[in-house]
Amino acid sequence: MDDPIEVALRKKRDSSLRVAIAQLKPVGDMAALAHACVSAGNTGALMAVARYLLKTVEGIDRPAIATVMPNRLDGYTTVLDLGANVDCTPEHLLQFAVMGSALVAAVDGKEDPSVGLLNIGEEAIKGSEIIKQAGELLRLAAAGGHLNFHGNVEGNDIFKGTTDLVVCDGFVGNVLLKTSEGLASMLTDFIRQEFTRTPLSKLAALVALPVLKRFKTRVDPRRYNGAALLGLRGLVFKSHGSADAFAFEQALKRAYDAARNRLLDRVHHRIAETLQALPSGEAPAAGDAAAARQAA
């Protein structure tokens, strides 16, 4: 886990991580030996090796990491990017939205998932210039019928279930993920400690046991293990390095569902359809943006 990415990429060509990813790549006229790869190895090494061996889908500049977080609607919200890309352009965020929409459609069966852009407020005038320009691109895509863009959302909307998908850069997404996991662990430990302090609290815990069990199950990060590396010419899923058997099983299930529902084909189709309909290179001009908002 401490190896620099360069070592994993250039000097460890027979590592289990590299050998596993290589199974996704066709050789000559022979089909690939595997439909998906699941690894609990170093995230940076996994991304670097996967990108080197598999390459990115046409129209995608950078792969992104996507996973799900529980929400109060008894479901979950898909979030990306979670750490693969710290510095993102508006075009990158648009690509994340398209790839994430394909993932939700393939795995969850929602053909037109709603997309939110993570920001410091719901208003279109808020946020950095990159976020504002990304919002304009997403509104243009929505006006053309290529995305179901809800608009800007805030952090608490992820757990409210306001949208099916939330898009952000990798720095914000990684902080969000680690904070959420830490909070869930802290709440579980706090409840266990409080309900075992006195005989009366133990009795209260016994009465509330069914509710407590449901809460623990809902926030258990093991249930949501298995982050997809989207944008590659192969299905690669990242498991937590500390995953137990149950958690790793969830990652395997996510990879299986993605392969069974032809996620790669869906990403190819959505990317080609969306990016061909949008101006390339730069965010839309103010007049185009205003027209897009009116049309949306």
C-alpha atoms as a PDB file:
ATOM      1  CA  MET A   1       0.000   0.000   0.000  1.00  0.00           C
ATOM      2  CA  ASP A   2       2.988   2.327   0.460  1.00  0.00           C
ATOM      3  CA  ASP A   3       4.433   1.807  -3.025  1.00  0.00           C
ATOM      4  CA  PRO A   4       4.564   4.929  -5.204  1.00  0.00           C
ATOM      5  CA  ILE A   5       2.301   4.744  -8.252  1.00  0.00           C
ATOM      6  CA  GLU A   6       5.336   4.671 -10.540  1.00  0.00           C
ATOM      7  CA  VAL A   7       6.561   1.474  -8.885  1.00  0.00           C
ATOM      8  CA  ALA A   8       3.205  -0.243  -9.201  1.00  0.00           C
ATOM      9  CA  LEU A   9       2.902   0.810 -12.827  1.00  0.00           C
ATOM     10  CA  ARG A  10       6.404   0.189 -14.163  1.00  0.00           C
ATOM     11  CA  LYS A  11       8.177  -2.293 -11.903  1.00  0.00           C
ATOM     12  CA  LYS A  12       5.473  -4.669 -10.659  1.00  0.00           C
ATOM     13  CA  ARG A  13       4.129  -6.022 -13.923  1.00  0.00           C
ATOM     14  CA  ASP A  14       3.239  -9.369 -12.365  1.00  0.00           C
ATOM     15  CA  SER A  15       1.380  -7.991  -9.363  1.00  0.00           C
ATOM     16  CA  SER A  16      -2.039  -9.511  -8.707  1.00  0.00           C
ATOM     17  CA  LEU A  17      -3.614  -6.089  -9.259  1.00  0.00           C
ATOM     18  CA  ARG A  18      -2.126  -5.729 -12.742  1.00  0.00           C
ATOM     19  CA  VAL A  19      -2.770  -9.337 -13.711  1.00  0.00           C
ATOM     20  CA  ALA A  20      -6.436  -9.000 -12.684  1.00  0.00           C
ATOM     21  CA  ILE A  21      -6.969  -5.820 -14.712  1.00  0.00           C
ATOM     22  CA  ALA A  22      -5.253  -7.395 -17.723  1.00  0.00           C
ATOM     23  CA  GLN A  23      -8.010 -10.039 -17.834  1.00  0.00           C
ATOM     24  CA  LEU A  24     -10.400  -7.292 -19.027  1.00  0.00           C
ATOM     25  CA  LYS A  25      -8.376  -6.511 -22.153  1.00  0.00           C
ATOM     26  CA  PRO A  26      -8.949  -8.455 -25.390  1.00  0.00           C
ATOM     27  CA  VAL A  27      -5.802  -9.945 -26.919  1.00  0.00           C
ATOM     28  CA  GLY A  28      -5.796  -9.970 -30.707  1.00  0.00           C
ATOM     29  CA  ASP A  29      -8.919 -11.752 -31.911  1.00  0.00           C
ATOM     30  CA  MET A  30      -9.498 -13.324 -28.504  1.00  0.00           C
ATOM     31  CA  ALA A  31     -12.172 -11.912 -26.214  1.00  0.00           C
ATOM     32  CA  ALA A  32     -11.289 -10.698 -22.737  1.00  0.00           C
ATOM     33  CA  LEU A  33     -11.080 -13.418 -20.085  1.00  0.00           C
ATOM     34  CA  ALA A  34     -13.201 -11.469 -17.588  1.00  0.00           C
ATOM     35  CA  HIS A  35     -16.126  -9.044 -17.673  1.00  0.00           C
ATOM     36  CA  ALA A  36     -15.197  -7.127 -14.503  1.00  0.00           C
ATOM     37  CA  CYS A  37     -12.392  -6.726 -11.976  1.00  0.00           C
ATOM     38  CA  VAL A  38     -12.713  -6.078  -8.236  1.00  0.00           C
ATOM     39  CA  SER A  39      -9.657  -5.031  -6.226  1.00  0.00           C
ATOM     40  CA  ALA A  40      -9.003  -3.944  -2.643  1.00  0.00           C
ATOM     41  CA  GLY A  41      -5.554  -2.674  -3.545  1.00  0.00           C
ATOM     42  CA  ASN A  42      -4.089   0.824  -3.463  1.00  0.00           C
ATOM     43  CA  THR A  43      -6.545   3.216  -5.121  1.00  0.00           C
ATOM     44  CA  GLY A  44      -3.908   5.296  -6.893  1.00  0.00           C
ATOM     45  CA  ALA A  45      -2.157   2.234  -8.254  1.00  0.00           C
ATOM     46  CA  LEU A  46      -5.458   0.677  -9.319  1.00  0.00           C
ATOM     47  CA  MET A  47      -6.485   3.799 -11.218  1.00  0.00           C
ATOM     48  CA  ALA A  48      -3.073   4.259 -12.834  1.00  0.00           C
ATOM     49  CA  VAL A  49      -2.710   0.639 -13.952  1.00  0.00           C
ATOM     50  CA  ALA A  50      -6.322   0.431 -15.151  1.00  0.00           C
ATOM     51  CA  ARG A  51      -5.991   3.629 -17.146  1.00  0.00           C
ATOM     52  CA  TYR A  52      -2.670   2.480 -18.662  1.00  0.00           C
ATOM     53  CA  LEU A  53      -3.880  -0.989 -19.656  1.00  0.00           C
ATOM     54  CA  LEU A  54      -7.494  -0.309 -20.593  1.00  0.00           C
ATOM     55  CA  LYS A  55      -7.417   3.342 -21.757  1.00  0.00           C
ATOM     56  CA  THR A  56     -10.391   5.681 -21.418  1.00  0.00           C
ATOM     57  CA  VAL A  57     -13.632   5.655 -23.373  1.00  0.00           C
ATOM     58  CA  GLU A  58     -13.641   8.019 -26.358  1.00  0.00           C
ATOM     59  CA  GLY A  59     -14.915  11.399 -25.202  1.00  0.00           C
ATOM     60  CA  ILE A  60     -13.760  10.887 -21.596  1.00  0.00           C
ATOM     61  CA  ASP A  61     -10.688  12.801 -20.423  1.00  0.00           C
ATOM     62  CA  ARG A  62     -10.411  11.320 -16.933  1.00  0.00           C
ATOM     63  CA  PRO A  63     -11.943   8.307 -15.172  1.00  0.00           C
ATOM     64  CA  ALA A  64     -13.941   9.002 -12.015  1.00  0.00           C
ATOM     65  CA  ILE A  65     -14.736   7.002  -8.876  1.00  0.00           C
ATOM     66  CA  ALA A  66     -18.429   6.546  -8.077  1.00  0.00           C
ATOM     67  CA  THR A  67     -20.135   4.924  -5.099  1.00  0.00           C
ATOM     68  CA  VAL A  68     -23.440   5.096  -3.231  1.00  0.00           C
ATOM     69  CA  MET A  69     -24.437   6.680   0.088  1.00  0.00           C
ATOM     70  CA  PRO A  70     -27.602   5.891   2.055  1.00  0.00           C
ATOM     71  CA  ASN A  71     -30.450   8.412   2.102  1.00  0.00           C
ATOM     72  CA  ARG A  72     -33.582   8.794   4.188  1.00  0.00           C
ATOM     73  CA  LEU A  73     -35.823   7.563   1.361  1.00  0.00           C
ATOM     74  CA  ASP A  74     -34.739   4.007   2.214  1.00  0.00           C
ATOM     75  CA  GLY A  75     -32.480   4.023  -0.815  1.00  0.00           C
ATOM     76  CA  TYR A  76     -29.149   5.536  -1.747  1.00  0.00           C
ATOM     77  CA  THR A  77     -27.596   8.385  -3.717  1.00  0.00           C
ATOM     78  CA  THR A  78     -24.754   7.813  -6.192  1.00  0.00           C
ATOM     79  CA  VAL A  79     -21.871  10.292  -5.817  1.00  0.00           C
ATOM     80  CA  LEU A  80     -18.822  10.960  -8.020  1.00  0.00           C
ATOM     81  CA  ASP A  81     -15.952  11.805  -8.192  1.00  0.00           C
ATOM     82  CA  LEU A  82     -14.621  10.472  -4.865  1.00  0.00           C
ATOM     83  CA  GLY A  83     -10.915  11.084  -5.218  1.00  0.00           C
ATOM     84  CA  ALA A  84      -9.599  10.278  -8.673  1.00  0.00           C
ATOM     85  CA  ASN A  85      -9.488  13.913  -9.860  1.00  0.00           C
ATOM     86  CA  VAL A  86      -8.661  16.797  -7.537  1.00  0.00           C
ATOM     87  CA  ASP A  87      -8.648  19.559 -10.175  1.00  0.00           C
ATOM     88  CA  CYS A  88     -11.608  19.366 -12.538  1.00  0.00           C
ATOM     89  CA  THR A  89     -12.778  21.511 -15.431  1.00  0.00           C
ATOM     90  CA  PRO A  90     -16.465  22.141 -16.213  1.00  0.00           C
ATOM     91  CA  GLU A  91     -16.179  19.613 -19.040  1.00  0.00           C
ATOM     92  CA  HIS A  92     -14.914  16.961 -16.608  1.00  0.00           C
ATOM     93  CA  LEU A  93     -17.920  17.506 -14.342  1.00  0.00           C
ATOM     94  CA  LEU A  94     -20.244  17.171 -17.336  1.00  0.00           C
ATOM     95  CA  GLN A  95     -18.542  13.896 -18.264  1.00  0.00           C
ATOM     96  CA  PHE A  96     -18.942  12.673 -14.671  1.00  0.00           C
ATOM     97  CA  ALA A  97     -22.657  13.445 -14.842  1.00  0.00           C
ATOM     98  CA  VAL A  98     -23.072  11.501 -18.078  1.00  0.00           C
ATOM     99  CA  MET A  99     -21.105   8.490 -16.802  1.00  0.00           C
ATOM    100  CA  GLY A 100     -22.903   8.542 -13.455  1.00  0.00           C
ATOM    101  CA  SER A 101     -26.276   8.649 -15.188  1.00  0.00           C
ATOM    102  CA  ALA A 102     -25.316   5.589 -17.214  1.00  0.00           C
ATOM    103  CA  LEU A 103     -24.264   3.783 -14.017  1.00  0.00           C
ATOM    104  CA  VAL A 104     -27.523   4.528 -12.193  1.00  0.00           C
ATOM    105  CA  ALA A 105     -29.559   3.559 -15.261  1.00  0.00           C
ATOM    106  CA  ALA A 106     -27.688   0.266 -15.659  1.00  0.00           C
ATOM    107  CA  VAL A 107     -27.514  -0.883 -12.039  1.00  0.00           C
ATOM    108  CA  ASP A 108     -30.669   0.665 -10.540  1.00  0.00           C
ATOM    109  CA  GLY A 109     -32.935   0.511 -13.573  1.00  0.00           C
ATOM    110  CA  LYS A 110     -33.665   4.273 -13.550  1.00  0.00           C
ATOM    111  CA  GLU A 111     -33.473   5.252 -17.203  1.00  0.00           C
ATOM    112  CA  ASP A 112     -33.634   8.994 -16.524  1.00  0.00           C
ATOM    113  CA  PRO A 113     -31.894   9.535 -13.162  1.00  0.00           C
ATOM    114  CA  SER A 114     -31.897  13.046 -11.719  1.00  0.00           C
ATOM    115  CA  VAL A 115     -28.517  14.791 -11.455  1.00  0.00           C
ATOM    116  CA  GLY A 116     -27.423  17.374  -8.891  1.00  0.00           C
ATOM    117  CA  LEU A 117     -24.272  19.518  -8.948  1.00  0.00           C
ATOM    118  CA  LEU A 118     -22.759  19.826  -5.462  1.00  0.00           C
ATOM    119  CA  ASN A 119     -22.385  23.491  -4.531  1.00  0.00           C
ATOM    120  CA  ILE A 120     -22.464  25.896  -1.577  1.00  0.00           C
ATOM    121  CA  GLY A 121     -26.049  26.821  -2.400  1.00  0.00           C
ATOM    122  CA  GLU A 122     -28.891  26.002  -4.750  1.00  0.00           C
ATOM    123  CA  GLU A 123     -28.764  29.295  -6.645  1.00  0.00           C
ATOM    124  CA  ALA A 124     -27.062  29.263 -10.063  1.00  0.00           C
ATOM    125  CA  ILE A 125     -25.080  32.414  -9.200  1.00  0.00           C
ATOM    126  CA  LYS A 126     -23.288  30.733  -6.282  1.00  0.00           C
ATOM    127  CA  GLY A 127     -20.038  28.772  -6.322  1.00  0.00           C
ATOM    128  CA  SER A 128     -16.698  29.043  -8.077  1.00  0.00           C
ATOM    129  CA  GLU A 129     -16.390  29.896 -11.757  1.00  0.00           C
ATOM    130  CA  ILE A 130     -15.767  26.236 -12.541  1.00  0.00           C
ATOM    131  CA  ILE A 131     -18.998  25.212 -10.813  1.00  0.00           C
ATOM    132  CA  LYS A 132     -20.967  27.980 -12.525  1.00  0.00           C
ATOM    133  CA  GLN A 133     -19.663  26.965 -15.944  1.00  0.00           C
ATOM    134  CA  ALA A 134     -20.323  23.300 -15.182  1.00  0.00           C
ATOM    135  CA  GLY A 135     -23.892  24.249 -14.288  1.00  0.00           C
ATOM    136  CA  GLU A 136     -24.295  25.951 -17.664  1.00  0.00           C
ATOM    137  CA  LEU A 137     -23.034  22.880 -19.495  1.00  0.00           C
ATOM    138  CA  LEU A 138     -25.369  20.632 -17.504  1.00  0.00           C
ATOM    139  CA  ARG A 139     -28.315  22.922 -18.274  1.00  0.00           C
ATOM    140  CA  LEU A 140     -27.456  22.793 -21.977  1.00  0.00           C
ATOM    141  CA  ALA A 141     -27.336  19.003 -21.829  1.00  0.00           C
ATOM    142  CA  ALA A 142     -30.688  18.979 -20.034  1.00  0.00           C
ATOM    143  CA  ALA A 143     -32.217  21.347 -22.594  1.00  0.00           C
ATOM    144  CA  GLY A 144     -31.192  18.924 -25.320  1.00  0.00           C
ATOM    145  CA  GLY A 145     -32.795  16.019 -23.479  1.00  0.00           C
ATOM    146  CA  HIS A 146     -29.481  14.288 -22.726  1.00  0.00           C
ATOM    147  CA  LEU A 147     -29.523  14.652 -18.919  1.00  0.00           C
ATOM    148  CA  ASN A 148     -32.134  15.055 -16.210  1.00  0.00           C
ATOM    149  CA  PHE A 149     -30.392  17.958 -14.466  1.00  0.00           C
ATOM    150  CA  HIS A 150     -32.073  18.990 -11.215  1.00  0.00           C
ATOM    151  CA  GLY A 151     -29.723  21.909 -10.494  1.00  0.00           C
ATOM    152  CA  ASN A 152     -27.339  22.755  -7.682  1.00  0.00           C
ATOM    153  CA  VAL A 153     -27.603  20.741  -4.474  1.00  0.00           C
ATOM    154  CA  GLU A 154     -25.939  20.991  -1.072  1.00  0.00           C
ATOM    155  CA  GLY A 155     -24.296  18.322   1.052  1.00  0.00           C
ATOM    156  CA  ASN A 156     -27.418  17.506   3.058  1.00  0.00           C
ATOM    157  CA  ASP A 157     -29.338  16.796  -0.164  1.00  0.00           C
ATOM    158  CA  ILE A 158     -27.251  13.644  -0.614  1.00  0.00           C
ATOM    159  CA  PHE A 159     -28.789  12.133   2.517  1.00  0.00           C
ATOM    160  CA  LYS A 160     -32.228  13.573   1.789  1.00  0.00           C
ATOM    161  CA  GLY A 161     -32.253  11.754  -1.538  1.00  0.00           C
ATOM    162  CA  THR A 162     -33.026  14.961  -3.444  1.00  0.00           C
ATOM    163  CA  THR A 163     -31.417  13.551  -6.609  1.00  0.00           C
ATOM    164  CA  ASP A 164     -30.378  10.106  -7.770  1.00  0.00           C
ATOM    165  CA  LEU A 165     -26.864  11.310  -8.609  1.00  0.00           C
ATOM    166  CA  VAL A 166     -24.585  14.043  -7.220  1.00  0.00           C
ATOM    167  CA  VAL A 167     -21.520  15.312  -9.106  1.00  0.00           C
ATOM    168  CA  CYS A 168     -18.464  16.994  -7.544  1.00  0.00           C
ATOM    169  CA  ASP A 169     -14.688  17.125  -7.910  1.00  0.00           C
ATOM    170  CA  GLY A 170     -12.535  14.427  -6.320  1.00  0.00           C
ATOM    171  CA  PHE A 171     -11.234  16.548  -3.445  1.00  0.00           C
ATOM    172  CA  VAL A 172     -14.703  17.456  -2.191  1.00  0.00           C
ATOM    173  CA  GLY A 173     -16.029  13.963  -2.857  1.00  0.00           C
ATOM    174  CA  ASN A 174     -13.276  12.216  -0.928  1.00  0.00           C
ATOM    175  CA  VAL A 175     -13.712  14.489   2.095  1.00  0.00           C
ATOM    176  CA  LEU A 176     -17.465  13.881   1.937  1.00  0.00           C
ATOM    177  CA  LEU A 177     -17.025  10.105   1.784  1.00  0.00           C
ATOM    178  CA  LYS A 178     -14.545   9.847   4.659  1.00  0.00           C
ATOM    179  CA  THR A 179     -16.571  12.237   6.826  1.00  0.00           C
ATOM    180  CA  SER A 180     -19.746  10.242   6.223  1.00  0.00           C
ATOM    181  CA  GLU A 181     -18.055   6.966   7.097  1.00  0.00           C
ATOM    182  CA  GLY A 182     -16.573   8.470  10.253  1.00  0.00           C
ATOM    183  CA  LEU A 183     -19.914   9.936  11.318  1.00  0.00           C
ATOM    184  CA  ALA A 184     -21.725   6.629  10.820  1.00  0.00           C
ATOM    185  CA  SER A 185     -19.113   4.824  12.915  1.00  0.00           C
ATOM    186  CA  MET A 186     -19.253   7.490  15.645  1.00  0.00           C
ATOM    187  CA  LEU A 187     -23.064   7.363  15.862  1.00  0.00           C
ATOM    188  CA  THR A 188     -23.054   3.576  16.110  1.00  0.00           C
ATOM    189  CA  ASP A 189     -20.437   3.621  18.893  1.00  0.00           C
ATOM    190  CA  PHE A 190     -22.236   6.421  20.748  1.00  0.00           C
ATOM    191  CA  ILE A 191     -25.560   4.578  20.748  1.00  0.00           C
ATOM    192  CA  ARG A 192     -23.931   1.372  21.966  1.00  0.00           C
ATOM    193  CA  GLN A 193     -22.141   3.195  24.798  1.00  0.00           C
ATOM    194  CA  GLU A 194     -25.191   5.189  25.895  1.00  0.00           C
ATOM    195  CA  PHE A 195     -27.454   2.154  26.044  1.00  0.00           C
ATOM    196  CA  THR A 196     -25.067   0.174  28.235  1.00  0.00           C
ATOM    197  CA  ARG A 197     -24.308   2.776  30.910  1.00  0.00           C
ATOM    198  CA  THR A 198     -26.989   1.892  33.481  1.00  0.00           C
ATOM    199  CA  PRO A 199     -29.521  -0.903  34.081  1.00  0.00           C
ATOM    200  CA  LEU A 200     -32.296   1.491  32.987  1.00  0.00           C
ATOM    201  CA  SER A 201     -30.513   2.345  29.738  1.00  0.00           C
ATOM    202  CA  LYS A 202     -29.974  -1.373  29.085  1.00  0.00           C
ATOM    203  CA  LEU A 203     -33.719  -1.932  29.488  1.00  0.00           C
ATOM    204  CA  ALA A 204     -34.420   0.949  27.084  1.00  0.00           C
ATOM    205  CA  ALA A 205     -31.982  -0.567  24.618  1.00  0.00           C
ATOM    206  CA  LEU A 206     -33.817  -3.899  24.809  1.00  0.00           C
ATOM    207  CA  VAL A 207     -37.118  -2.196  23.962  1.00  0.00           C
ATOM    208  CA  ALA A 208     -35.538  -0.204  21.123  1.00  0.00           C
ATOM    209  CA  LEU A 209     -33.457  -3.118  19.804  1.00  0.00           C
ATOM    210  CA  PRO A 210     -35.383  -3.642  16.513  1.00  0.00           C
ATOM    211  CA  VAL A 211     -35.072   0.073  15.646  1.00  0.00           C
ATOM    212  CA  LEU A 212     -31.396   0.144  16.582  1.00  0.00           C
ATOM    213  CA  LYS A 213     -30.682  -2.887  14.422  1.00  0.00           C
ATOM    214  CA  ARG A 214     -32.404  -1.278  11.439  1.00  0.00           C
ATOM    215  CA  PHE A 215     -30.424   1.936  11.964  1.00  0.00           C
ATOM    216  CA  LYS A 216     -27.135   0.069  12.190  1.00  0.00           C
ATOM    217  CA  THR A 217     -27.935  -1.808   9.000  1.00  0.00           C
ATOM    218  CA  ARG A 218     -28.873   1.372   7.128  1.00  0.00           C
ATOM    219  CA  VAL A 219     -25.646   3.228   7.973  1.00  0.00           C
ATOM    220  CA  ASP A 220     -23.302   0.227   7.793  1.00  0.00           C
ATOM    221  CA  PRO A 221     -20.653   1.288   5.228  1.00  0.00           C
ATOM    222  CA  ARG A 222     -20.009  -2.369   4.379  1.00  0.00           C
ATOM    223  CA  ARG A 223     -23.366  -2.470   2.570  1.00  0.00           C
ATOM    224  CA  TYR A 224     -22.197   0.218   0.156  1.00  0.00           C
ATOM    225  CA  ASN A 225     -18.755  -1.172  -0.577  1.00  0.00           C
ATOM    226  CA  GLY A 226     -17.610  -1.276  -4.180  1.00  0.00           C
ATOM    227  CA  ALA A 227     -16.840   1.969  -6.026  1.00  0.00           C
ATOM    228  CA  ALA A 228     -16.914   1.957  -9.827  1.00  0.00           C
ATOM    229  CA  LEU A 229     -14.011   3.404 -11.818  1.00  0.00           C
ATOM    230  CA  LEU A 230     -16.050   4.955 -14.611  1.00  0.00           C
ATOM    231  CA  GLY A 231     -14.713   6.037 -17.977  1.00  0.00           C
ATOM    232  CA  LEU A 232     -12.424   3.076 -18.665  1.00  0.00           C
ATOM    233  CA  ARG A 233     -12.709   0.515 -21.466  1.00  0.00           C
ATOM    234  CA  GLY A 234     -13.369  -2.146 -18.870  1.00  0.00           C
ATOM    235  CA  LEU A 235     -15.316  -2.569 -15.629  1.00  0.00           C
ATOM    236  CA  VAL A 236     -13.108  -1.994 -12.582  1.00  0.00           C
ATOM    237  CA  PHE A 237     -14.463  -1.756  -9.031  1.00  0.00           C
ATOM    238  CA  LYS A 238     -12.579  -0.623  -5.941  1.00  0.00           C
ATOM    239  CA  SER A 239     -13.220  -2.289  -2.587  1.00  0.00           C
ATOM    240  CA  HIS A 240     -12.105  -0.931   0.773  1.00  0.00           C
ATOM    241  CA  GLY A 241      -8.765  -2.376   1.748  1.00  0.00           C
ATOM    242  CA  SER A 242     -10.197  -3.274   5.179  1.00  0.00           C
ATOM    243  CA  ALA A 243     -13.298  -4.971   3.746  1.00  0.00           C
ATOM    244  CA  ASP A 244     -14.464  -8.160   5.440  1.00  0.00           C
ATOM    245  CA  ALA A 245     -16.171 -11.016   3.596  1.00  0.00           C
ATOM    246  CA  PHE A 246     -19.608  -9.357   3.700  1.00  0.00           C
ATOM    247  CA  ALA A 247     -18.292  -6.026   2.393  1.00  0.00           C
ATOM    248  CA  PHE A 248     -16.297  -7.672  -0.386  1.00  0.00           C
ATOM    249  CA  GLU A 249     -19.388  -9.623  -1.382  1.00  0.00           C
ATOM    250  CA  GLN A 250     -21.216  -6.302  -1.938  1.00  0.00           C
ATOM    251  CA  ALA A 251     -18.403  -5.104  -4.208  1.00  0.00           C
ATOM    252  CA  LEU A 252     -18.606  -8.328  -6.211  1.00  0.00           C
ATOM    253  CA  LYS A 253     -22.376  -7.922  -6.555  1.00  0.00           C
ATOM    254  CA  ARG A 254     -21.999  -4.361  -7.855  1.00  0.00           C
ATOM    255  CA  ALA A 255     -19.437  -5.452 -10.416  1.00  0.00           C
ATOM    256  CA  TYR A 256     -21.652  -8.358 -11.484  1.00  0.00           C
ATOM    257  CA  ASP A 257     -24.714  -6.107 -11.857  1.00  0.00           C
ATOM    258  CA  ALA A 258     -22.711  -3.614 -13.932  1.00  0.00           C
ATOM    259  CA  ALA A 259     -21.491  -6.351 -16.283  1.00  0.00           C
ATOM    260  CA  ARG A 260     -24.895  -8.033 -16.520  1.00  0.00           C
ATOM    261  CA  ASN A 261     -26.574  -4.730 -17.411  1.00  0.00           C
ATOM    262  CA  ARG A 262     -23.907  -3.793 -19.988  1.00  0.00           C
ATOM    263  CA  LEU A 263     -22.703  -0.647 -18.244  1.00  0.00           C
ATOM    264  CA  LEU A 264     -19.844  -0.103 -20.710  1.00  0.00           C
ATOM    265  CA  ASP A 265     -22.217   0.012 -23.672  1.00  0.00           C
ATOM    266  CA  ARG A 266     -24.459   2.473 -21.852  1.00  0.00           C
ATOM    267  CA  VAL A 267     -21.544   4.780 -21.036  1.00  0.00           C
ATOM    268  CA  HIS A 268     -20.344   4.695 -24.665  1.00  0.00           C
ATOM    269  CA  HIS A 269     -23.838   5.512 -25.939  1.00  0.00           C
ATOM    270  CA  ARG A 270     -24.554   8.337 -23.503  1.00  0.00           C
ATOM    271  CA  ILE A 271     -21.171   9.972 -23.931  1.00  0.00           C
ATOM    272  CA  ALA A 272     -21.374   9.940 -27.717  1.00  0.00           C
ATOM    273  CA  GLU A 273     -24.948  11.213 -27.721  1.00  0.00           C
ATOM    274  CA  THR A 274     -24.379  13.985 -25.184  1.00  0.00           C
ATOM    275  CA  LEU A 275     -20.990  15.348 -26.179  1.00  0.00           C
ATOM    276  CA  GLN A 276     -21.828  15.485 -29.892  1.00  0.00           C
ATOM    277  CA  ALA A 277     -24.777  17.724 -29.096  1.00  0.00           C
ATOM    278  CA  LEU A 278     -22.751  20.209 -27.023  1.00  0.00           C
ATOM    279  CA  PRO A 279     -20.173  22.837 -27.972  1.00  0.00           C
ATOM    280  CA  SER A 280     -16.679  21.444 -27.419  1.00  0.00           C
ATOM    281  CA  GLY A 281     -13.753  22.970 -25.590  1.00  0.00           C
ATOM    282  CA  GLU A 282     -15.329  25.735 -23.574  1.00  0.00           C
ATOM    283  CA  ALA A 283     -18.386  26.368 -21.449  1.00  0.00           C
ATOM    284  CA  PRO A 284     -21.333  27.909 -23.350  1.00  0.00           C
ATOM    285  CA  ALA A 285     -21.593  31.623 -23.826  1.00  0.00           C
ATOM    286  CA  ALA A 286     -23.925  33.676 -21.658  1.00  0.00           C
ATOM    287  CA  GLY A 287     -26.586  33.875 -24.392  1.00  0.00           C
ATOM    288  CA  ASP A 288     -26.534  30.113 -24.896  1.00  0.00           C
ATOM    289  CA  ALA A 289     -26.748  29.565 -21.151  1.00  0.00           C
ATOM    290  CA  ALA A 290     -29.735  31.864 -20.786  1.00  0.00           C
ATOM    291  CA  ALA A 291     -31.502  30.104 -23.663  1.00  0.00           C
ATOM    292  CA  ALA A 292     -30.753  26.745 -22.075  1.00  0.00           C
ATOM    293  CA  ARG A 293     -32.214  27.830 -18.740  1.00  0.00           C
ATOM    294  CA  GLN A 294     -35.376  29.086 -20.441  1.00  0.00           C
ATOM    295  CA  ALA A 295     -35.730  25.893 -22.447  1.00  0.00           C
ATOM    296  CA  ALA A 296     -35.145  23.727 -19.355  1.00  0.00           C
END
